[in-house]
């Protein structure tokens, strides 16, 4: 059973309309990279040019912020869910 990656609705135009994607990997970063490889137009929205996370994107692993679990190096298990959350700013 793979890991599920939930994409915000605003980015589904880059995933052929799919909000829920499945991928394999042992870390959050591996899962994100696998999805980015499948959807190249989505890739620059998920990670910066150096492969790191943007400060305005949070990844949640089973409802826990990965910044407190090791970031993109946070380990995942089959059946886990990763949710991409975009920061909203403005006034």
PDB file of N, CA and C in Angstrom:
ATOM      1  N   UNK A   1       0.846  -1.180   0.000  1.00  0.00           N
ATOM      2  CA  UNK A   1       0.000   0.000   0.000  1.00  0.00           C
ATOM      3  C   UNK A   1       0.892   1.244   0.000  1.00  0.00           C
ATOM      4  N   UNK A   2       0.688   2.125  -0.951  1.00  0.00           N
ATOM      5  CA  UNK A   2       1.524   3.329  -1.030  1.00  0.00           C
ATOM      6  C   UNK A   2       1.103   4.401  -0.026  1.00  0.00           C
ATOM      7  N   UNK A   3       1.803   5.510  -0.085  1.00  0.00           N
ATOM      8  CA  UNK A   3       1.506   6.691   0.715  1.00  0.00           C
ATOM      9  C   UNK A   3       0.594   7.592  -0.119  1.00  0.00           C
ATOM     10  N   UNK A   4      -0.363   8.250   0.518  1.00  0.00           N
ATOM     11  CA  UNK A   4      -1.270   9.163  -0.163  1.00  0.00           C
ATOM     12  C   UNK A   4      -0.776  10.590   0.017  1.00  0.00           C
ATOM     13  N   UNK A   5      -0.755  11.348  -1.075  1.00  0.00           N
ATOM     14  CA  UNK A   5      -0.384  12.765  -1.044  1.00  0.00           C
ATOM     15  C   UNK A   5      -1.613  13.561  -1.457  1.00  0.00           C
ATOM     16  N   UNK A   6      -2.107  14.398  -0.544  1.00  0.00           N
ATOM     17  CA  UNK A   6      -3.285  15.236  -0.806  1.00  0.00           C
ATOM     18  C   UNK A   6      -2.819  16.613  -1.269  1.00  0.00           C
ATOM     19  N   UNK A   7      -3.289  16.997  -2.446  1.00  0.00           N
ATOM     20  CA  UNK A   7      -2.902  18.257  -3.084  1.00  0.00           C
ATOM     21  C   UNK A   7      -4.026  19.277  -2.906  1.00  0.00           C
ATOM     22  N   UNK A   8      -3.702  20.550  -2.606  1.00  0.00           N
ATOM     23  CA  UNK A   8      -4.755  21.566  -2.511  1.00  0.00           C
ATOM     24  C   UNK A   8      -5.479  21.738  -3.855  1.00  0.00           C
ATOM     25  N   UNK A   9      -6.740  22.052  -3.789  1.00  0.00           N
ATOM     26  CA  UNK A   9      -7.557  22.202  -4.990  1.00  0.00           C
ATOM     27  C   UNK A   9      -6.944  23.162  -5.997  1.00  0.00           C
ATOM     28  N   UNK A  10      -6.345  24.226  -5.525  1.00  0.00           N
ATOM     29  CA  UNK A  10      -5.762  25.229  -6.421  1.00  0.00           C
ATOM     30  C   UNK A  10      -4.642  24.643  -7.299  1.00  0.00           C
ATOM     31  N   UNK A  11      -4.025  23.554  -6.879  1.00  0.00           N
ATOM     32  CA  UNK A  11      -2.936  22.947  -7.650  1.00  0.00           C
ATOM     33  C   UNK A  11      -3.386  21.766  -8.507  1.00  0.00           C
ATOM     34  N   UNK A  12      -4.648  21.377  -8.403  1.00  0.00           N
ATOM     35  CA  UNK A  12      -5.088  20.201  -9.155  1.00  0.00           C
ATOM     36  C   UNK A  12      -5.082  20.422 -10.662  1.00  0.00           C
ATOM     37  N   UNK A  13      -5.037  21.665 -11.105  1.00  0.00           N
ATOM     38  CA  UNK A  13      -4.922  21.917 -12.545  1.00  0.00           C
ATOM     39  C   UNK A  13      -3.578  21.410 -13.071  1.00  0.00           C
ATOM     40  N   UNK A  14      -2.625  21.186 -12.170  1.00  0.00           N
ATOM     41  CA  UNK A  14      -1.301  20.693 -12.540  1.00  0.00           C
ATOM     42  C   UNK A  14      -1.173  19.184 -12.386  1.00  0.00           C
ATOM     43  N   UNK A  15      -2.246  18.542 -11.890  1.00  0.00           N
ATOM     44  CA  UNK A  15      -2.234  17.091 -11.668  1.00  0.00           C
ATOM     45  C   UNK A  15      -3.376  16.408 -12.410  1.00  0.00           C
ATOM     46  N   UNK A  16      -3.761  16.984 -13.526  1.00  0.00           N
ATOM     47  CA  UNK A  16      -4.866  16.442 -14.316  1.00  0.00           C
ATOM     48  C   UNK A  16      -6.142  16.312 -13.497  1.00  0.00           C
ATOM     49  N   UNK A  17      -6.358  17.264 -12.581  1.00  0.00           N
ATOM     50  CA  UNK A  17      -7.575  17.294 -11.790  1.00  0.00           C
ATOM     51  C   UNK A  17      -7.584  16.400 -10.569  1.00  0.00           C
ATOM     52  N   UNK A  18      -6.488  15.726 -10.308  1.00  0.00           N
ATOM     53  CA  UNK A  18      -6.429  14.800  -9.170  1.00  0.00           C
ATOM     54  C   UNK A  18      -6.013  15.525  -7.888  1.00  0.00           C
ATOM     55  N   UNK A  19      -6.812  15.396  -6.849  1.00  0.00           N
ATOM     56  CA  UNK A  19      -6.487  15.993  -5.556  1.00  0.00           C
ATOM     57  C   UNK A  19      -5.788  15.002  -4.643  1.00  0.00           C
ATOM     58  N   UNK A  20      -5.936  13.720  -4.929  1.00  0.00           N
ATOM     59  CA  UNK A  20      -5.326  12.664  -4.127  1.00  0.00           C
ATOM     60  C   UNK A  20      -4.449  11.818  -5.034  1.00  0.00           C
ATOM     61  N   UNK A  21      -3.180  11.741  -4.680  1.00  0.00           N
ATOM     62  CA  UNK A  21      -2.211  10.985  -5.476  1.00  0.00           C
ATOM     63  C   UNK A  21      -1.547   9.943  -4.592  1.00  0.00           C
ATOM     64  N   UNK A  22      -1.117   8.868  -5.199  1.00  0.00           N
ATOM     65  CA  UNK A  22      -0.402   7.837  -4.448  1.00  0.00           C
ATOM     66  C   UNK A  22       1.022   7.736  -4.965  1.00  0.00           C
ATOM     67  N   UNK A  23       1.936   7.480  -4.049  1.00  0.00           N
ATOM     68  CA  UNK A  23       3.349   7.331  -4.400  1.00  0.00           C
ATOM     69  C   UNK A  23       4.010   6.449  -3.354  1.00  0.00           C
ATOM     70  N   UNK A  24       5.204   5.992  -3.680  1.00  0.00           N
ATOM     71  CA  UNK A  24       5.975   5.176  -2.752  1.00  0.00           C
ATOM     72  C   UNK A  24       7.206   5.953  -2.317  1.00  0.00           C
ATOM     73  N   UNK A  25       7.700   5.633  -1.153  1.00  0.00           N
ATOM     74  CA  UNK A  25       8.904   6.258  -0.630  1.00  0.00           C
ATOM     75  C   UNK A  25       9.049   5.949   0.835  1.00  0.00           C
ATOM     76  N   UNK A  26      10.222   6.241   1.357  1.00  0.00           N
ATOM     77  CA  UNK A  26      10.467   6.010   2.779  1.00  0.00           C
ATOM     78  C   UNK A  26      10.471   7.307   3.580  1.00  0.00           C
ATOM     79  N   UNK A  27      10.473   8.448   2.865  1.00  0.00           N
ATOM     80  CA  UNK A  27      10.434   9.757   3.530  1.00  0.00           C
ATOM     81  C   UNK A  27       9.416  10.638   2.822  1.00  0.00           C
ATOM     82  N   UNK A  28       9.019  11.706   3.482  1.00  0.00           N
ATOM     83  CA  UNK A  28       8.114  12.679   2.871  1.00  0.00           C
ATOM     84  C   UNK A  28       8.747  13.204   1.580  1.00  0.00           C
ATOM     85  N   UNK A  29      10.030  13.508   1.612  1.00  0.00           N
ATOM     86  CA  UNK A  29      10.723  14.035   0.436  1.00  0.00           C
ATOM     87  C   UNK A  29      10.696  13.078  -0.740  1.00  0.00           C
ATOM     88  N   UNK A  30      10.867  11.795  -0.487  1.00  0.00           N
ATOM     89  CA  UNK A  30      10.833  10.809  -1.574  1.00  0.00           C
ATOM     90  C   UNK A  30       9.450  10.741  -2.205  1.00  0.00           C
ATOM     91  N   UNK A  31       8.427  10.799  -1.387  1.00  0.00           N
ATOM     92  CA  UNK A  31       7.059  10.769  -1.906  1.00  0.00           C
ATOM     93  C   UNK A  31       6.792  12.023  -2.742  1.00  0.00           C
ATOM     94  N   UNK A  32       7.176  13.173  -2.218  1.00  0.00           N
ATOM     95  CA  UNK A  32       6.981  14.435  -2.938  1.00  0.00           C
ATOM     96  C   UNK A  32       7.756  14.419  -4.249  1.00  0.00           C
ATOM     97  N   UNK A  33       8.976  13.913  -4.231  1.00  0.00           N
ATOM     98  CA  UNK A  33       9.785  13.843  -5.450  1.00  0.00           C
ATOM     99  C   UNK A  33       9.151  12.919  -6.481  1.00  0.00           C
ATOM    100  N   UNK A  34       8.630  11.791  -6.045  1.00  0.00           N
ATOM    101  CA  UNK A  34       8.000  10.868  -6.983  1.00  0.00           C
ATOM    102  C   UNK A  34       6.782  11.515  -7.652  1.00  0.00           C
ATOM    103  N   UNK A  35       5.986  12.223  -6.881  1.00  0.00           N
ATOM    104  CA  UNK A  35       4.831  12.916  -7.447  1.00  0.00           C
ATOM    105  C   UNK A  35       5.301  14.034  -8.382  1.00  0.00           C
ATOM    106  N   UNK A  36       6.318  14.774  -7.974  1.00  0.00           N
ATOM    107  CA  UNK A  36       6.850  15.856  -8.812  1.00  0.00           C
ATOM    108  C   UNK A  36       7.398  15.313 -10.132  1.00  0.00           C
ATOM    109  N   UNK A  37       7.994  14.138 -10.102  1.00  0.00           N
ATOM    110  CA  UNK A  37       8.498  13.524 -11.336  1.00  0.00           C
ATOM    111  C   UNK A  37       7.352  13.148 -12.275  1.00  0.00           C
ATOM    112  N   UNK A  38       6.234  12.719 -11.714  1.00  0.00           N
ATOM    113  CA  UNK A  38       5.072  12.348 -12.535  1.00  0.00           C
ATOM    114  C   UNK A  38       4.340  13.558 -13.092  1.00  0.00           C
ATOM    115  N   UNK A  39       4.399  14.669 -12.373  1.00  0.00           N
ATOM    116  CA  UNK A  39       3.708  15.890 -12.771  1.00  0.00           C
ATOM    117  C   UNK A  39       4.721  17.049 -12.771  1.00  0.00           C
ATOM    118  N   UNK A  40       5.529  17.160 -13.822  1.00  0.00           N
ATOM    119  CA  UNK A  40       6.611  18.157 -13.857  1.00  0.00           C
ATOM    120  C   UNK A  40       6.154  19.605 -13.669  1.00  0.00           C
ATOM    121  N   UNK A  41       4.948  19.934 -14.098  1.00  0.00           N
ATOM    122  CA  UNK A  41       4.468  21.312 -13.898  1.00  0.00           C
ATOM    123  C   UNK A  41       4.164  21.588 -12.432  1.00  0.00           C
ATOM    124  N   UNK A  42       3.906  20.554 -11.656  1.00  0.00           N
ATOM    125  CA  UNK A  42       3.642  20.690 -10.227  1.00  0.00           C
ATOM    126  C   UNK A  42       4.946  20.825  -9.435  1.00  0.00           C
ATOM    127  N   UNK A  43       6.004  20.238  -9.935  1.00  0.00           N
ATOM    128  CA  UNK A  43       7.282  20.158  -9.213  1.00  0.00           C
ATOM    129  C   UNK A  43       7.748  21.488  -8.621  1.00  0.00           C
ATOM    130  N   UNK A  44       7.789  22.589  -9.395  1.00  0.00           N
ATOM    131  CA  UNK A  44       8.281  23.840  -8.805  1.00  0.00           C
ATOM    132  C   UNK A  44       7.348  24.450  -7.773  1.00  0.00           C
ATOM    133  N   UNK A  45       6.161  23.905  -7.636  1.00  0.00           N
ATOM    134  CA  UNK A  45       5.231  24.386  -6.612  1.00  0.00           C
ATOM    135  C   UNK A  45       5.420  23.645  -5.293  1.00  0.00           C
ATOM    136  N   UNK A  46       6.085  22.492  -5.347  1.00  0.00           N
ATOM    137  CA  UNK A  46       6.246  21.667  -4.152  1.00  0.00           C
ATOM    138  C   UNK A  46       7.587  21.866  -3.457  1.00  0.00           C
ATOM    139  N   UNK A  47       8.640  22.114  -4.265  1.00  0.00           N
ATOM    140  CA  UNK A  47       9.986  22.272  -3.693  1.00  0.00           C
ATOM    141  C   UNK A  47      10.718  23.370  -4.443  1.00  0.00           C
ATOM    142  N   UNK A  48      11.672  24.019  -3.745  1.00  0.00           N
ATOM    143  CA  UNK A  48      12.446  25.069  -4.388  1.00  0.00           C
ATOM    144  C   UNK A  48      13.521  24.469  -5.301  1.00  0.00           C
ATOM    145  N   UNK A  49      14.294  25.314  -5.944  1.00  0.00           N
ATOM    146  CA  UNK A  49      15.310  24.871  -6.908  1.00  0.00           C
ATOM    147  C   UNK A  49      16.370  23.973  -6.272  1.00  0.00           C
ATOM    148  N   UNK A  50      16.562  24.080  -4.970  1.00  0.00           N
ATOM    149  CA  UNK A  50      17.545  23.255  -4.266  1.00  0.00           C
ATOM    150  C   UNK A  50      16.938  21.972  -3.705  1.00  0.00           C
ATOM    151  N   UNK A  51      15.649  21.755  -3.967  1.00  0.00           N
ATOM    152  CA  UNK A  51      14.991  20.545  -3.475  1.00  0.00           C
ATOM    153  C   UNK A  51      14.435  20.668  -2.076  1.00  0.00           C
ATOM    154  N   UNK A  52      14.489  21.860  -1.512  1.00  0.00           N
ATOM    155  CA  UNK A  52      13.974  22.071  -0.162  1.00  0.00           C
ATOM    156  C   UNK A  52      12.558  22.612  -0.180  1.00  0.00           C
ATOM    157  N   UNK A  53      11.910  22.597   0.953  1.00  0.00           N
ATOM    158  CA  UNK A  53      10.542  23.115   1.015  1.00  0.00           C
ATOM    159  C   UNK A  53      10.527  24.641   1.022  1.00  0.00           C
ATOM    160  N   UNK A  54       9.509  25.208   0.427  1.00  0.00           N
ATOM    161  CA  UNK A  54       9.307  26.653   0.507  1.00  0.00           C
ATOM    162  C   UNK A  54       8.807  26.995   1.906  1.00  0.00           C
ATOM    163  N   UNK A  55       9.114  28.200   2.392  1.00  0.00           N
ATOM    164  CA  UNK A  55       8.624  28.572   3.730  1.00  0.00           C
ATOM    165  C   UNK A  55       7.111  28.730   3.789  1.00  0.00           C
ATOM    166  N   UNK A  56       6.454  28.906   2.639  1.00  0.00           N
ATOM    167  CA  UNK A  56       5.011  29.107   2.628  1.00  0.00           C
ATOM    168  C   UNK A  56       4.229  27.838   2.290  1.00  0.00           C
ATOM    169  N   UNK A  57       4.918  26.703   2.283  1.00  0.00           N
ATOM    170  CA  UNK A  57       4.250  25.420   2.082  1.00  0.00           C
ATOM    171  C   UNK A  57       4.557  24.540   3.284  1.00  0.00           C
ATOM    172  N   UNK A  58       3.511  23.967   3.846  1.00  0.00           N
ATOM    173  CA  UNK A  58       3.685  23.034   4.956  1.00  0.00           C
ATOM    174  C   UNK A  58       3.234  21.652   4.510  1.00  0.00           C
ATOM    175  N   UNK A  59       3.954  20.660   4.968  1.00  0.00           N
ATOM    176  CA  UNK A  59       3.581  19.269   4.718  1.00  0.00           C
ATOM    177  C   UNK A  59       3.152  18.664   6.044  1.00  0.00           C
ATOM    178  N   UNK A  60       1.990  18.067   6.043  1.00  0.00           N
ATOM    179  CA  UNK A  60       1.483  17.402   7.239  1.00  0.00           C
ATOM    180  C   UNK A  60       1.469  15.904   6.995  1.00  0.00           C
ATOM    181  N   UNK A  61       2.038  15.186   7.927  1.00  0.00           N
ATOM    182  CA  UNK A  61       2.071  13.730   7.868  1.00  0.00           C
ATOM    183  C   UNK A  61       1.105  13.209   8.915  1.00  0.00           C
ATOM    184  N   UNK A  62       0.018  12.626   8.450  1.00  0.00           N
ATOM    185  CA  UNK A  62      -1.019  12.135   9.376  1.00  0.00           C
ATOM    186  C   UNK A  62      -1.403  13.206  10.390  1.00  0.00           C
ATOM    187  N   UNK A  63      -1.643  14.419   9.902  1.00  0.00           N
ATOM    188  CA  UNK A  63      -2.092  15.570  10.703  1.00  0.00           C
ATOM    189  C   UNK A  63      -1.024  16.166  11.620  1.00  0.00           C
ATOM    190  N   UNK A  64       0.253  15.794  11.419  1.00  0.00           N
ATOM    191  CA  UNK A  64       1.331  16.400  12.199  1.00  0.00           C
ATOM    192  C   UNK A  64       2.245  17.180  11.258  1.00  0.00           C
ATOM    193  N   UNK A  65       2.582  18.389  11.645  1.00  0.00           N
ATOM    194  CA  UNK A  65       3.438  19.249  10.841  1.00  0.00           C
ATOM    195  C   UNK A  65       4.825  18.613  10.730  1.00  0.00           C
ATOM    196  N   UNK A  66       5.270  18.361   9.508  1.00  0.00           N
ATOM    197  CA  UNK A  66       6.556  17.682   9.321  1.00  0.00           C
ATOM    198  C   UNK A  66       7.751  18.531   9.741  1.00  0.00           C
ATOM    199  N   UNK A  67       7.556  19.843   9.904  1.00  0.00           N
ATOM    200  CA  UNK A  67       8.670  20.677  10.377  1.00  0.00           C
ATOM    201  C   UNK A  67       9.138  20.229  11.762  1.00  0.00           C
ATOM    202  N   UNK A  68       8.265  19.555  12.488  1.00  0.00           N
ATOM    203  CA  UNK A  68       8.606  19.054  13.820  1.00  0.00           C
ATOM    204  C   UNK A  68       8.941  17.564  13.810  1.00  0.00           C
ATOM    205  N   UNK A  69       8.939  16.976  12.617  1.00  0.00           N
ATOM    206  CA  UNK A  69       9.212  15.539  12.476  1.00  0.00           C
ATOM    207  C   UNK A  69      10.455  15.250  11.642  1.00  0.00           C
ATOM    208  N   UNK A  70      11.143  16.304  11.220  1.00  0.00           N
ATOM    209  CA  UNK A  70      12.331  16.118  10.383  1.00  0.00           C
ATOM    210  C   UNK A  70      12.196  16.683   8.987  1.00  0.00           C
ATOM    211  N   UNK A  71      11.136  17.438   8.745  1.00  0.00           N
ATOM    212  CA  UNK A  71      10.948  18.063   7.436  1.00  0.00           C
ATOM    213  C   UNK A  71      10.749  17.019   6.354  1.00  0.00           C
ATOM    214  N   UNK A  72      11.380  17.232   5.215  1.00  0.00           N
ATOM    215  CA  UNK A  72      11.251  16.297   4.101  1.00  0.00           C
ATOM    216  C   UNK A  72      11.910  14.957   4.401  1.00  0.00           C
ATOM    217  N   UNK A  73      12.719  14.907   5.441  1.00  0.00           N
ATOM    218  CA  UNK A  73      13.372  13.648   5.840  1.00  0.00           C
ATOM    219  C   UNK A  73      12.503  12.831   6.801  1.00  0.00           C
ATOM    220  N   UNK A  74      11.330  13.345   7.139  1.00  0.00           N
ATOM    221  CA  UNK A  74      10.435  12.612   8.044  1.00  0.00           C
ATOM    222  C   UNK A  74      10.088  11.261   7.427  1.00  0.00           C
ATOM    223  N   UNK A  75      10.237  10.181   8.184  1.00  0.00           N
ATOM    224  CA  UNK A  75       9.937   8.850   7.646  1.00  0.00           C
ATOM    225  C   UNK A  75       8.439   8.636   7.472  1.00  0.00           C
ATOM    226  N   UNK A  76       8.090   7.892   6.430  1.00  0.00           N
ATOM    227  CA  UNK A  76       6.698   7.530   6.182  1.00  0.00           C
ATOM    228  C   UNK A  76       6.570   6.017   6.106  1.00  0.00           C
ATOM    229  N   UNK A  77       5.370   5.557   6.359  1.00  0.00           N
ATOM    230  CA  UNK A  77       5.041   4.140   6.263  1.00  0.00           C
ATOM    231  C   UNK A  77       3.905   3.969   5.270  1.00  0.00           C
ATOM    232  N   UNK A  78       3.796   2.781   4.733  1.00  0.00           N
ATOM    233  CA  UNK A  78       2.704   2.504   3.824  1.00  0.00           C
ATOM    234  C   UNK A  78       1.381   2.820   4.500  1.00  0.00           C
ATOM    235  N   UNK A  79       0.495   3.470   3.760  1.00  0.00           N
ATOM    236  CA  UNK A  79      -0.805   3.836   4.298  1.00  0.00           C
ATOM    237  C   UNK A  79      -0.846   5.214   4.934  1.00  0.00           C
ATOM    238  N   UNK A  80       0.312   5.865   5.103  1.00  0.00           N
ATOM    239  CA  UNK A  80       0.335   7.211   5.666  1.00  0.00           C
ATOM    240  C   UNK A  80      -0.273   8.200   4.681  1.00  0.00           C
ATOM    241  N   UNK A  81      -0.679   9.357   5.208  1.00  0.00           N
ATOM    242  CA  UNK A  81      -1.202  10.436   4.379  1.00  0.00           C
ATOM    243  C   UNK A  81      -0.376  11.688   4.595  1.00  0.00           C
ATOM    244  N   UNK A  82       0.023  12.295   3.494  1.00  0.00           N
ATOM    245  CA  UNK A  82       0.733  13.571   3.512  1.00  0.00           C
ATOM    246  C   UNK A  82      -0.213  14.586   2.892  1.00  0.00           C
ATOM    247  N   UNK A  83      -0.371  15.720   3.559  1.00  0.00           N
ATOM    248  CA  UNK A  83      -1.220  16.785   3.048  1.00  0.00           C
ATOM    249  C   UNK A  83      -0.379  18.030   2.817  1.00  0.00           C
ATOM    250  N   UNK A  84      -0.496  18.594   1.615  1.00  0.00           N
ATOM    251  CA  UNK A  84       0.200  19.832   1.272  1.00  0.00           C
ATOM    252  C   UNK A  84      -0.712  20.983   1.645  1.00  0.00           C
ATOM    253  N   UNK A  85      -0.192  21.921   2.458  1.00  0.00           N
ATOM    254  CA  UNK A  85      -0.969  23.074   2.893  1.00  0.00           C
ATOM    255  C   UNK A  85      -0.238  24.329   2.465  1.00  0.00           C
ATOM    256  N   UNK A  86      -0.923  25.160   1.673  1.00  0.00           N
ATOM    257  CA  UNK A  86      -0.357  26.419   1.219  1.00  0.00           C
ATOM    258  C   UNK A  86      -0.724  27.521   2.190  1.00  0.00           C
ATOM    259  N   UNK A  87       0.261  28.370   2.517  1.00  0.00           N
ATOM    260  CA  UNK A  87       0.004  29.492   3.400  1.00  0.00           C
ATOM    261  C   UNK A  87      -0.817  30.541   2.655  1.00  0.00           C
ATOM    262  N   UNK A  88      -1.686  31.199   3.363  1.00  0.00           N
ATOM    263  CA  UNK A  88      -2.489  32.260   2.794  1.00  0.00           C
ATOM    264  C   UNK A  88      -2.112  33.542   3.525  1.00  0.00           C
ATOM    265  N   UNK A  89      -1.825  34.586   2.749  1.00  0.00           N
ATOM    266  CA  UNK A  89      -1.445  35.860   3.350  1.00  0.00           C
ATOM    267  C   UNK A  89      -2.219  36.979   2.674  1.00  0.00           C
ATOM    268  N   UNK A  90      -2.195  38.082   3.279  1.00  0.00           N
ATOM    269  CA  UNK A  90      -2.856  39.233   2.686  1.00  0.00           C
ATOM    270  C   UNK A  90      -3.640  39.996   3.719  1.00  0.00           C
ATOM    271  N   UNK A  91      -4.304  40.978   3.275  1.00  0.00           N
ATOM    272  CA  UNK A  91      -5.059  41.769   4.224  1.00  0.00           C
ATOM    273  C   UNK A  91      -6.253  42.421   3.611  1.00  0.00           C
TER     274      UNK A  91
END
